Amino acid sequence: MAQHTQINLATTEDGFLKNMDQWSTSWAQALALEQGYQWTATLEAQVIATREFYFAYAHSPKTRVLIEHLKQTLDSSITSVALQITFKENPALALCRLAGLPRPKQCF
């Protein structure tokens, strides 16, 4: 069982929280810093929007769907390129990990 961040919650080998009910903003902030991301109001809004998507549709979003959701709910100028630069990996994986959600299906 892997554990990440100063809050030490159980995660999968690739850092996804095993129990979504344990998620907190402070856990996400610690994980973001551990992974080299600066916790900003923008990142927090993206994480919260990702969580809202999950609870509305009962699944973690794939990248294209997530980008459209972020455009509709946060900022119409969000692009996949900008998110890719920000996260240095698949944005859906990074945001779902920070949001304490399960790994999106079919995301590499």
PDB file of N, CA and C in Angstrom:
ATOM      1  N   MET A   1       0.839  -1.169   0.000  1.00  0.00           N
ATOM      2  CA  MET A   1       0.000   0.000   0.000  1.00  0.00           C
ATOM      3  C   MET A   1       0.893   1.243   0.000  1.00  0.00           C
ATOM      4  N   ALA A   2       0.743   2.064  -1.013  1.00  0.00           N
ATOM      5  CA  ALA A   2       1.526   3.292  -1.098  1.00  0.00           C
ATOM      6  C   ALA A   2       0.886   4.377  -0.250  1.00  0.00           C
ATOM      7  N   GLN A   3       1.707   5.267   0.240  1.00  0.00           N
ATOM      8  CA  GLN A   3       1.211   6.431   0.963  1.00  0.00           C
ATOM      9  C   GLN A   3       1.947   7.644   0.447  1.00  0.00           C
ATOM     10  N   HIS A   4       1.213   8.710   0.280  1.00  0.00           N
ATOM     11  CA  HIS A   4       1.803   9.944  -0.235  1.00  0.00           C
ATOM     12  C   HIS A   4       1.391  11.110   0.645  1.00  0.00           C
ATOM     13  N   THR A   5       2.211  12.091   0.673  1.00  0.00           N
ATOM     14  CA  THR A   5       2.023  13.377   1.338  1.00  0.00           C
ATOM     15  C   THR A   5       2.165  13.275   2.840  1.00  0.00           C
ATOM     16  N   GLN A   6       2.256  14.449   3.430  1.00  0.00           N
ATOM     17  CA  GLN A   6       2.416  14.554   4.872  1.00  0.00           C
ATOM     18  C   GLN A   6       1.192  14.036   5.609  1.00  0.00           C
ATOM     19  N   ILE A   7       0.048  13.966   4.964  1.00  0.00           N
ATOM     20  CA  ILE A   7      -1.180  13.531   5.617  1.00  0.00           C
ATOM     21  C   ILE A   7      -1.271  12.000   5.635  1.00  0.00           C
ATOM     22  N   ASN A   8      -0.462  11.329   4.826  1.00  0.00           N
ATOM     23  CA  ASN A   8      -0.335   9.871   4.826  1.00  0.00           C
ATOM     24  C   ASN A   8      -1.648   9.113   4.684  1.00  0.00           C
ATOM     25  N   LEU A   9      -2.323   9.320   3.594  1.00  0.00           N
ATOM     26  CA  LEU A   9      -3.511   8.541   3.275  1.00  0.00           C
ATOM     27  C   LEU A   9      -3.117   7.438   2.299  1.00  0.00           C
ATOM     28  N   ALA A  10      -3.814   6.326   2.357  1.00  0.00           N
ATOM     29  CA  ALA A  10      -3.503   5.200   1.485  1.00  0.00           C
ATOM     30  C   ALA A  10      -3.836   5.545   0.034  1.00  0.00           C
ATOM     31  N   THR A  11      -2.855   5.271  -0.832  1.00  0.00           N
ATOM     32  CA  THR A  11      -3.036   5.506  -2.262  1.00  0.00           C
ATOM     33  C   THR A  11      -2.619   4.265  -3.037  1.00  0.00           C
ATOM     34  N   THR A  12      -3.007   4.242  -4.301  1.00  0.00           N
ATOM     35  CA  THR A  12      -2.564   3.174  -5.191  1.00  0.00           C
ATOM     36  C   THR A  12      -1.097   3.414  -5.523  1.00  0.00           C
ATOM     37  N   GLU A  13      -0.498   2.478  -6.232  1.00  0.00           N
ATOM     38  CA  GLU A  13       0.912   2.626  -6.603  1.00  0.00           C
ATOM     39  C   GLU A  13       1.172   3.869  -7.438  1.00  0.00           C
ATOM     40  N   ASP A  14       0.161   4.292  -8.225  1.00  0.00           N
ATOM     41  CA  ASP A  14       0.361   5.487  -9.038  1.00  0.00           C
ATOM     42  C   ASP A  14      -0.250   6.744  -8.417  1.00  0.00           C
ATOM     43  N   GLY A  15      -0.521   6.698  -7.101  1.00  0.00           N
ATOM     44  CA  GLY A  15      -0.862   7.900  -6.354  1.00  0.00           C
ATOM     45  C   GLY A  15      -2.319   8.281  -6.248  1.00  0.00           C
ATOM     46  N   PHE A  16      -3.223   7.423  -6.719  1.00  0.00           N
ATOM     47  CA  PHE A  16      -4.643   7.736  -6.604  1.00  0.00           C
ATOM     48  C   PHE A  16      -5.146   7.317  -5.230  1.00  0.00           C
ATOM     49  N   LEU A  17      -5.918   8.187  -4.613  1.00  0.00           N
ATOM     50  CA  LEU A  17      -6.438   7.944  -3.277  1.00  0.00           C
ATOM     51  C   LEU A  17      -7.327   6.709  -3.280  1.00  0.00           C
ATOM     52  N   LYS A  18      -7.110   5.810  -2.325  1.00  0.00           N
ATOM     53  CA  LYS A  18      -7.906   4.583  -2.262  1.00  0.00           C
ATOM     54  C   LYS A  18      -9.311   4.836  -1.719  1.00  0.00           C
ATOM     55  N   ASN A  19      -9.458   5.774  -0.809  1.00  0.00           N
ATOM     56  CA  ASN A  19     -10.757   6.080  -0.210  1.00  0.00           C
ATOM     57  C   ASN A  19     -11.075   7.544  -0.484  1.00  0.00           C
ATOM     58  N   MET A  20     -11.962   7.789  -1.441  1.00  0.00           N
ATOM     59  CA  MET A  20     -12.301   9.160  -1.828  1.00  0.00           C
ATOM     60  C   MET A  20     -12.855   9.982  -0.666  1.00  0.00           C
ATOM     61  N   ASP A  21     -13.481   9.326   0.280  1.00  0.00           N
ATOM     62  CA  ASP A  21     -14.072  10.039   1.414  1.00  0.00           C
ATOM     63  C   ASP A  21     -13.021  10.693   2.305  1.00  0.00           C
ATOM     64  N   GLN A  22     -11.766  10.287   2.170  1.00  0.00           N
ATOM     65  CA  GLN A  22     -10.699  10.865   2.978  1.00  0.00           C
ATOM     66  C   GLN A  22     -10.108  12.129   2.357  1.00  0.00           C
ATOM     67  N   TRP A  23     -10.510  12.462   1.139  1.00  0.00           N
ATOM     68  CA  TRP A  23      -9.956  13.611   0.442  1.00  0.00           C
ATOM     69  C   TRP A  23     -10.221  14.898   1.202  1.00  0.00           C
ATOM     70  N   SER A  24      -9.260  15.796   1.170  1.00  0.00           N
ATOM     71  CA  SER A  24      -9.429  17.142   1.709  1.00  0.00           C
ATOM     72  C   SER A  24      -8.572  18.093   0.881  1.00  0.00           C
ATOM     73  N   THR A  25      -8.898  19.360   0.954  1.00  0.00           N
ATOM     74  CA  THR A  25      -8.108  20.356   0.243  1.00  0.00           C
ATOM     75  C   THR A  25      -6.667  20.343   0.736  1.00  0.00           C
ATOM     76  N   SER A  26      -6.475  20.174   2.042  1.00  0.00           N
ATOM     77  CA  SER A  26      -5.101  20.170   2.560  1.00  0.00           C
ATOM     78  C   SER A  26      -4.315  18.968   2.043  1.00  0.00           C
ATOM     79  N   TRP A  27      -4.977  17.822   1.862  1.00  0.00           N
ATOM     80  CA  TRP A  27      -4.305  16.652   1.293  1.00  0.00           C
ATOM     81  C   TRP A  27      -3.912  16.958  -0.162  1.00  0.00           C
ATOM     82  N   ALA A  28      -4.846  17.553  -0.908  1.00  0.00           N
ATOM     83  CA  ALA A  28      -4.570  17.885  -2.309  1.00  0.00           C
ATOM     84  C   ALA A  28      -3.433  18.896  -2.420  1.00  0.00           C
ATOM     85  N   GLN A  29      -3.410  19.886  -1.535  1.00  0.00           N
ATOM     86  CA  GLN A  29      -2.328  20.871  -1.540  1.00  0.00           C
ATOM     87  C   GLN A  29      -0.981  20.203  -1.290  1.00  0.00           C
ATOM     88  N   ALA A  30      -0.945  19.319  -0.307  1.00  0.00           N
ATOM     89  CA  ALA A  30       0.304  18.625   0.013  1.00  0.00           C
ATOM     90  C   ALA A  30       0.752  17.750  -1.157  1.00  0.00           C
ATOM     91  N   LEU A  31      -0.190  17.045  -1.775  1.00  0.00           N
ATOM     92  CA  LEU A  31       0.147  16.202  -2.923  1.00  0.00           C
ATOM     93  C   LEU A  31       0.640  17.046  -4.095  1.00  0.00           C
ATOM     94  N   ALA A  32      -0.024  18.166  -4.332  1.00  0.00           N
ATOM     95  CA  ALA A  32       0.397  19.049  -5.428  1.00  0.00           C
ATOM     96  C   ALA A  32       1.840  19.497  -5.217  1.00  0.00           C
ATOM     97  N   LEU A  33       2.157  19.923  -4.021  1.00  0.00           N
ATOM     98  CA  LEU A  33       3.526  20.364  -3.739  1.00  0.00           C
ATOM     99  C   LEU A  33       4.510  19.215  -3.882  1.00  0.00           C
ATOM    100  N   GLU A  34       4.123  18.039  -3.417  1.00  0.00           N
ATOM    101  CA  GLU A  34       4.976  16.857  -3.529  1.00  0.00           C
ATOM    102  C   GLU A  34       5.254  16.515  -4.997  1.00  0.00           C
ATOM    103  N   GLN A  35       4.275  16.773  -5.854  1.00  0.00           N
ATOM    104  CA  GLN A  35       4.421  16.459  -7.273  1.00  0.00           C
ATOM    105  C   GLN A  35       4.980  17.619  -8.085  1.00  0.00           C
ATOM    106  N   GLY A  36       5.337  18.710  -7.407  1.00  0.00           N
ATOM    107  CA  GLY A  36       5.969  19.825  -8.083  1.00  0.00           C
ATOM    108  C   GLY A  36       5.023  20.854  -8.664  1.00  0.00           C
ATOM    109  N   TYR A  37       3.765  20.834  -8.254  1.00  0.00           N
ATOM    110  CA  TYR A  37       2.794  21.813  -8.731  1.00  0.00           C
ATOM    111  C   TYR A  37       2.590  22.879  -7.670  1.00  0.00           C
ATOM    112  N   GLN A  38       2.476  24.110  -8.109  1.00  0.00           N
ATOM    113  CA  GLN A  38       2.194  25.199  -7.190  1.00  0.00           C
ATOM    114  C   GLN A  38       0.680  25.252  -6.974  1.00  0.00           C
ATOM    115  N   TRP A  39       0.253  25.214  -5.708  1.00  0.00           N
ATOM    116  CA  TRP A  39      -1.182  25.266  -5.398  1.00  0.00           C
ATOM    117  C   TRP A  39      -1.639  26.717  -5.532  1.00  0.00           C
ATOM    118  N   THR A  40      -2.444  26.972  -6.540  1.00  0.00           N
ATOM    119  CA  THR A  40      -2.950  28.314  -6.807  1.00  0.00           C
ATOM    120  C   THR A  40      -4.472  28.270  -6.794  1.00  0.00           C
ATOM    121  N   ALA A  41      -5.083  29.431  -6.846  1.00  0.00           N
ATOM    122  CA  ALA A  41      -6.550  29.493  -6.916  1.00  0.00           C
ATOM    123  C   ALA A  41      -7.042  28.802  -8.192  1.00  0.00           C
ATOM    124  N   THR A  42      -6.283  28.935  -9.277  1.00  0.00           N
ATOM    125  CA  THR A  42      -6.659  28.282 -10.540  1.00  0.00           C
ATOM    126  C   THR A  42      -6.607  26.766 -10.406  1.00  0.00           C
ATOM    127  N   LEU A  43      -5.521  26.257  -9.840  1.00  0.00           N
ATOM    128  CA  LEU A  43      -5.410  24.804  -9.664  1.00  0.00           C
ATOM    129  C   LEU A  43      -6.500  24.299  -8.737  1.00  0.00           C
ATOM    130  N   GLU A  44      -6.758  25.012  -7.663  1.00  0.00           N
ATOM    131  CA  GLU A  44      -7.818  24.586  -6.742  1.00  0.00           C
ATOM    132  C   GLU A  44      -9.171  24.551  -7.456  1.00  0.00           C
ATOM    133  N   ALA A  45      -9.464  25.555  -8.263  1.00  0.00           N
ATOM    134  CA  ALA A  45     -10.727  25.580  -9.005  1.00  0.00           C
ATOM    135  C   ALA A  45     -10.811  24.409  -9.983  1.00  0.00           C
ATOM    136  N   GLN A  46      -9.688  24.064 -10.635  1.00  0.00           N
ATOM    137  CA  GLN A  46      -9.678  22.930 -11.559  1.00  0.00           C
ATOM    138  C   GLN A  46      -9.914  21.616 -10.819  1.00  0.00           C
ATOM    139  N   VAL A  47      -9.309  21.481  -9.659  1.00  0.00           N
ATOM    140  CA  VAL A  47      -9.488  20.265  -8.847  1.00  0.00           C
ATOM    141  C   VAL A  47     -10.947  20.153  -8.407  1.00  0.00           C
ATOM    142  N   ILE A  48     -11.512  21.241  -7.915  1.00  0.00           N
ATOM    143  CA  ILE A  48     -12.911  21.227  -7.465  1.00  0.00           C
ATOM    144  C   ILE A  48     -13.843  20.936  -8.637  1.00  0.00           C
ATOM    145  N   ALA A  49     -13.588  21.528  -9.797  1.00  0.00           N
ATOM    146  CA  ALA A  49     -14.415  21.264 -10.985  1.00  0.00           C
ATOM    147  C   ALA A  49     -14.317  19.799 -11.410  1.00  0.00           C
ATOM    148  N   THR A  50     -13.145  19.207 -11.268  1.00  0.00           N
ATOM    149  CA  THR A  50     -12.969  17.789 -11.596  1.00  0.00           C
ATOM    150  C   THR A  50     -13.785  16.923 -10.635  1.00  0.00           C
ATOM    151  N   ARG A  51     -13.762  17.267  -9.355  1.00  0.00           N
ATOM    152  CA  ARG A  51     -14.573  16.547  -8.364  1.00  0.00           C
ATOM    153  C   ARG A  51     -16.066  16.698  -8.674  1.00  0.00           C
ATOM    154  N   GLU A  52     -16.483  17.902  -9.032  1.00  0.00           N
ATOM    155  CA  GLU A  52     -17.893  18.136  -9.353  1.00  0.00           C
ATOM    156  C   GLU A  52     -18.325  17.286 -10.550  1.00  0.00           C
ATOM    157  N   PHE A  53     -17.449  17.176 -11.552  1.00  0.00           N
ATOM    158  CA  PHE A  53     -17.748  16.321 -12.695  1.00  0.00           C
ATOM    159  C   PHE A  53     -17.971  14.887 -12.223  1.00  0.00           C
ATOM    160  N   TYR A  54     -17.062  14.381 -11.407  1.00  0.00           N
ATOM    161  CA  TYR A  54     -17.165  13.000 -10.923  1.00  0.00           C
ATOM    162  C   TYR A  54     -18.493  12.776 -10.197  1.00  0.00           C
ATOM    163  N   PHE A  55     -18.850  13.674  -9.314  1.00  0.00           N
ATOM    164  CA  PHE A  55     -20.064  13.470  -8.531  1.00  0.00           C
ATOM    165  C   PHE A  55     -21.335  13.692  -9.356  1.00  0.00           C
ATOM    166  N   ALA A  56     -21.247  14.426 -10.440  1.00  0.00           N
ATOM    167  CA  ALA A  56     -22.394  14.619 -11.330  1.00  0.00           C
ATOM    168  C   ALA A  56     -22.601  13.421 -12.254  1.00  0.00           C
ATOM    169  N   TYR A  57     -21.486  12.801 -12.718  1.00  0.00           N
ATOM    170  CA  TYR A  57     -21.587  11.753 -13.739  1.00  0.00           C
ATOM    171  C   TYR A  57     -21.132  10.371 -13.269  1.00  0.00           C
ATOM    172  N   ALA A  58     -20.673  10.263 -12.037  1.00  0.00           N
ATOM    173  CA  ALA A  58     -20.285   8.995 -11.421  1.00  0.00           C
ATOM    174  C   ALA A  58     -19.119   8.292 -12.117  1.00  0.00           C
ATOM    175  N   HIS A  59     -18.231   9.070 -12.726  1.00  0.00           N
ATOM    176  CA  HIS A  59     -16.990   8.504 -13.270  1.00  0.00           C
ATOM    177  C   HIS A  59     -15.964   9.608 -13.442  1.00  0.00           C
ATOM    178  N   SER A  60     -14.714   9.216 -13.421  1.00  0.00           N
ATOM    179  CA  SER A  60     -13.626  10.170 -13.645  1.00  0.00           C
ATOM    180  C   SER A  60     -13.567  10.519 -15.127  1.00  0.00           C
ATOM    181  N   PRO A  61     -13.386  11.796 -15.439  1.00  0.00           N
ATOM    182  CA  PRO A  61     -13.408  12.199 -16.845  1.00  0.00           C
ATOM    183  C   PRO A  61     -12.115  11.861 -17.589  1.00  0.00           C
ATOM    184  N   LYS A  62     -12.278  11.520 -18.862  1.00  0.00           N
ATOM    185  CA  LYS A  62     -11.126  11.401 -19.753  1.00  0.00           C
ATOM    186  C   LYS A  62     -10.687  12.816 -20.126  1.00  0.00           C
ATOM    187  N   THR A  63      -9.540  12.933 -20.732  1.00  0.00           N
ATOM    188  CA  THR A  63      -8.943  14.241 -20.978  1.00  0.00           C
ATOM    189  C   THR A  63      -9.829  15.175 -21.799  1.00  0.00           C
ATOM    190  N   ARG A  64     -10.304  14.738 -22.942  1.00  0.00           N
ATOM    191  CA  ARG A  64     -11.108  15.628 -23.793  1.00  0.00           C
ATOM    192  C   ARG A  64     -12.372  16.099 -23.082  1.00  0.00           C
ATOM    193  N   VAL A  65     -13.024  15.187 -22.403  1.00  0.00           N
ATOM    194  CA  VAL A  65     -14.241  15.531 -21.679  1.00  0.00           C
ATOM    195  C   VAL A  65     -13.923  16.494 -20.537  1.00  0.00           C
ATOM    196  N   LEU A  66     -12.826  16.247 -19.845  1.00  0.00           N
ATOM    197  CA  LEU A  66     -12.429  17.118 -18.746  1.00  0.00           C
ATOM    198  C   LEU A  66     -12.136  18.529 -19.245  1.00  0.00           C
ATOM    199  N   ILE A  67     -11.428  18.646 -20.349  1.00  0.00           N
ATOM    200  CA  ILE A  67     -11.097  19.964 -20.888  1.00  0.00           C
ATOM    201  C   ILE A  67     -12.375  20.715 -21.249  1.00  0.00           C
ATOM    202  N   GLU A  68     -13.317  20.047 -21.874  1.00  0.00           N
ATOM    203  CA  GLU A  68     -14.590  20.696 -22.198  1.00  0.00           C
ATOM    204  C   GLU A  68     -15.326  21.124 -20.936  1.00  0.00           C
ATOM    205  N   HIS A  69     -15.303  20.287 -19.917  1.00  0.00           N
ATOM    206  CA  HIS A  69     -15.949  20.622 -18.641  1.00  0.00           C
ATOM    207  C   HIS A  69     -15.280  21.850 -18.015  1.00  0.00           C
ATOM    208  N   LEU A  70     -13.959  21.888 -18.015  1.00  0.00           N
ATOM    209  CA  LEU A  70     -13.250  23.033 -17.446  1.00  0.00           C
ATOM    210  C   LEU A  70     -13.535  24.302 -18.242  1.00  0.00           C
ATOM    211  N   LYS A  71     -13.621  24.181 -19.563  1.00  0.00           N
ATOM    212  CA  LYS A  71     -13.943  25.344 -20.402  1.00  0.00           C
ATOM    213  C   LYS A  71     -15.333  25.883 -20.060  1.00  0.00           C
ATOM    214  N   GLN A  72     -16.283  24.969 -19.879  1.00  0.00           N
ATOM    215  CA  GLN A  72     -17.660  25.380 -19.613  1.00  0.00           C
ATOM    216  C   GLN A  72     -17.844  25.932 -18.197  1.00  0.00           C
ATOM    217  N   THR A  73     -17.111  25.384 -17.244  1.00  0.00           N
ATOM    218  CA  THR A  73     -17.346  25.773 -15.860  1.00  0.00           C
ATOM    219  C   THR A  73     -16.376  26.822 -15.329  1.00  0.00           C
ATOM    220  N   LEU A  74     -15.187  26.922 -15.926  1.00  0.00           N
ATOM    221  CA  LEU A  74     -14.181  27.829 -15.370  1.00  0.00           C
ATOM    222  C   LEU A  74     -13.731  28.922 -16.324  1.00  0.00           C
ATOM    223  N   ASP A  75     -13.215  28.518 -17.490  1.00  0.00           N
ATOM    224  CA  ASP A  75     -12.568  29.490 -18.369  1.00  0.00           C
ATOM    225  C   ASP A  75     -12.597  28.953 -19.791  1.00  0.00           C
ATOM    226  N   SER A  76     -13.281  29.655 -20.662  1.00  0.00           N
ATOM    227  CA  SER A  76     -13.433  29.171 -22.042  1.00  0.00           C
ATOM    228  C   SER A  76     -12.123  29.156 -22.823  1.00  0.00           C
ATOM    229  N   SER A  77     -11.075  29.786 -22.273  1.00  0.00           N
ATOM    230  CA  SER A  77      -9.794  29.816 -22.987  1.00  0.00           C
ATOM    231  C   SER A  77      -8.858  28.664 -22.605  1.00  0.00           C
ATOM    232  N   ILE A  78      -9.290  27.770 -21.724  1.00  0.00           N
ATOM    233  CA  ILE A  78      -8.459  26.621 -21.339  1.00  0.00           C
ATOM    234  C   ILE A  78      -8.216  25.748 -22.561  1.00  0.00           C
ATOM    235  N   THR A  79      -6.951  25.324 -22.735  1.00  0.00           N
ATOM    236  CA  THR A  79      -6.608  24.449 -23.859  1.00  0.00           C
ATOM    237  C   THR A  79      -5.892  23.200 -23.345  1.00  0.00           C
ATOM    238  N   SER A  80      -5.912  22.168 -24.148  1.00  0.00           N
ATOM    239  CA  SER A  80      -5.206  20.949 -23.780  1.00  0.00           C
ATOM    240  C   SER A  80      -3.702  21.197 -23.711  1.00  0.00           C
ATOM    241  N   VAL A  81      -3.189  22.040 -24.577  1.00  0.00           N
ATOM    242  CA  VAL A  81      -1.754  22.354 -24.571  1.00  0.00           C
ATOM    243  C   VAL A  81      -1.370  23.038 -23.260  1.00  0.00           C
ATOM    244  N   ALA A  82      -2.144  24.011 -22.842  1.00  0.00           N
ATOM    245  CA  ALA A  82      -1.845  24.720 -21.593  1.00  0.00           C
ATOM    246  C   ALA A  82      -1.881  23.761 -20.403  1.00  0.00           C
ATOM    247  N   LEU A  83      -2.862  22.877 -20.372  1.00  0.00           N
ATOM    248  CA  LEU A  83      -2.949  21.916 -19.264  1.00  0.00           C
ATOM    249  C   LEU A  83      -1.789  20.928 -19.320  1.00  0.00           C
ATOM    250  N   GLN A  84      -1.411  20.504 -20.516  1.00  0.00           N
ATOM    251  CA  GLN A  84      -0.290  19.581 -20.667  1.00  0.00           C
ATOM    252  C   GLN A  84       1.004  20.215 -20.159  1.00  0.00           C
ATOM    253  N   ILE A  85       1.200  21.481 -20.445  1.00  0.00           N
ATOM    254  CA  ILE A  85       2.389  22.194 -19.968  1.00  0.00           C
ATOM    255  C   ILE A  85       2.351  22.320 -18.449  1.00  0.00           C
ATOM    256  N   THR A  86       1.200  22.638 -17.915  1.00  0.00           N
ATOM    257  CA  THR A  86       1.053  22.797 -16.464  1.00  0.00           C
ATOM    258  C   THR A  86       1.356  21.499 -15.730  1.00  0.00           C
ATOM    259  N   PHE A  87       0.802  20.388 -16.218  1.00  0.00           N
ATOM    260  CA  PHE A  87       0.885  19.138 -15.472  1.00  0.00           C
ATOM    261  C   PHE A  87       2.008  18.200 -15.893  1.00  0.00           C
ATOM    262  N   LYS A  88       2.603  18.410 -17.039  1.00  0.00           N
ATOM    263  CA  LYS A  88       3.723  17.572 -17.493  1.00  0.00           C
ATOM    264  C   LYS A  88       3.345  16.095 -17.619  1.00  0.00           C
ATOM    265  N   GLU A  89       2.066  15.817 -17.625  1.00  0.00           N
ATOM    266  CA  GLU A  89       1.523  14.469 -17.828  1.00  0.00           C
ATOM    267  C   GLU A  89       0.091  14.646 -18.301  1.00  0.00           C
ATOM    268  N   ASN A  90      -0.603  13.567 -18.499  1.00  0.00           N
ATOM    269  CA  ASN A  90      -1.993  13.633 -18.902  1.00  0.00           C
ATOM    270  C   ASN A  90      -2.767  14.462 -17.872  1.00  0.00           C
ATOM    271  N   PRO A  91      -3.406  15.580 -18.286  1.00  0.00           N
ATOM    272  CA  PRO A  91      -4.109  16.435 -17.337  1.00  0.00           C
ATOM    273  C   PRO A  91      -5.221  15.724 -16.567  1.00  0.00           C
ATOM    274  N   ALA A  92      -5.910  14.790 -17.212  1.00  0.00           N
ATOM    275  CA  ALA A  92      -6.979  14.067 -16.516  1.00  0.00           C
ATOM    276  C   ALA A  92      -6.399  13.223 -15.380  1.00  0.00           C
ATOM    277  N   LEU A  93      -5.260  12.587 -15.632  1.00  0.00           N
ATOM    278  CA  LEU A  93      -4.625  11.801 -14.571  1.00  0.00           C
ATOM    279  C   LEU A  93      -4.216  12.703 -13.411  1.00  0.00           C
ATOM    280  N   ALA A  94      -3.554  13.805 -13.727  1.00  0.00           N
ATOM    281  CA  ALA A  94      -3.072  14.705 -12.676  1.00  0.00           C
ATOM    282  C   ALA A  94      -4.225  15.287 -11.869  1.00  0.00           C
ATOM    283  N   LEU A  95      -5.253  15.778 -12.547  1.00  0.00           N
ATOM    284  CA  LEU A  95      -6.361  16.405 -11.823  1.00  0.00           C
ATOM    285  C   LEU A  95      -7.186  15.388 -11.043  1.00  0.00           C
ATOM    286  N   CYS A  96      -7.391  14.207 -11.597  1.00  0.00           N
ATOM    287  CA  CYS A  96      -8.130  13.177 -10.845  1.00  0.00           C
ATOM    288  C   CYS A  96      -7.329  12.735  -9.623  1.00  0.00           C
ATOM    289  N   ARG A  97      -6.026  12.637  -9.764  1.00  0.00           N
ATOM    290  CA  ARG A  97      -5.178  12.269  -8.623  1.00  0.00           C
ATOM    291  C   ARG A  97      -5.292  13.335  -7.528  1.00  0.00           C
ATOM    292  N   LEU A  98      -5.168  14.610  -7.916  1.00  0.00           N
ATOM    293  CA  LEU A  98      -5.264  15.698  -6.943  1.00  0.00           C
ATOM    294  C   LEU A  98      -6.667  15.810  -6.350  1.00  0.00           C
ATOM    295  N   ALA A  99      -7.665  15.428  -7.123  1.00  0.00           N
ATOM    296  CA  ALA A  99      -9.057  15.503  -6.669  1.00  0.00           C
ATOM    297  C   ALA A  99      -9.457  14.300  -5.820  1.00  0.00           C
ATOM    298  N   GLY A 100      -8.535  13.345  -5.659  1.00  0.00           N
ATOM    299  CA  GLY A 100      -8.831  12.173  -4.843  1.00  0.00           C
ATOM    300  C   GLY A 100      -9.786  11.200  -5.495  1.00  0.00           C
ATOM    301  N   LEU A 101      -9.831  11.218  -6.818  1.00  0.00           N
ATOM    302  CA  LEU A 101     -10.771  10.384  -7.570  1.00  0.00           C
ATOM    303  C   LEU A 101     -10.080   9.158  -8.139  1.00  0.00           C
ATOM    304  N   PRO A 102     -10.856   8.174  -8.565  1.00  0.00           N
ATOM    305  CA  PRO A 102     -10.253   7.000  -9.209  1.00  0.00           C
ATOM    306  C   PRO A 102      -9.573   7.384 -10.524  1.00  0.00           C
ATOM    307  N   ARG A 103      -8.614   6.569 -10.904  1.00  0.00           N
ATOM    308  CA  ARG A 103      -7.919   6.766 -12.184  1.00  0.00           C
ATOM    309  C   ARG A 103      -8.961   6.676 -13.310  1.00  0.00           C
ATOM    310  N   PRO A 104      -8.935   7.643 -14.235  1.00  0.00           N
ATOM    311  CA  PRO A 104      -9.883   7.573 -15.361  1.00  0.00           C
ATOM    312  C   PRO A 104      -9.611   6.330 -16.205  1.00  0.00           C
ATOM    313  N   LYS A 105     -10.657   5.694 -16.648  1.00  0.00           N
ATOM    314  CA  LYS A 105     -10.491   4.530 -17.507  1.00  0.00           C
ATOM    315  C   LYS A 105      -9.920   4.979 -18.851  1.00  0.00           C
ATOM    316  N   GLN A 106      -9.086   4.159 -19.440  1.00  0.00           N
ATOM    317  CA  GLN A 106      -8.473   4.399 -20.740  1.00  0.00           C
ATOM    318  C   GLN A 106      -7.559   5.621 -20.758  1.00  0.00           C
ATOM    319  N   CYS A 107      -7.036   6.038 -19.620  1.00  0.00           N
ATOM    320  CA  CYS A 107      -6.037   7.119 -19.584  1.00  0.00           C
ATOM    321  C   CYS A 107      -4.682   6.490 -19.350  1.00  0.00           C
ATOM    322  N   PHE A 108      -3.711   6.879 -20.167  1.00  0.00           N
ATOM    323  CA  PHE A 108      -2.380   6.297 -20.041  1.00  0.00           C
ATOM    324  C   PHE A 108      -1.444   7.261 -19.378  1.00  0.00           C
TER     325      PHE A 108
END
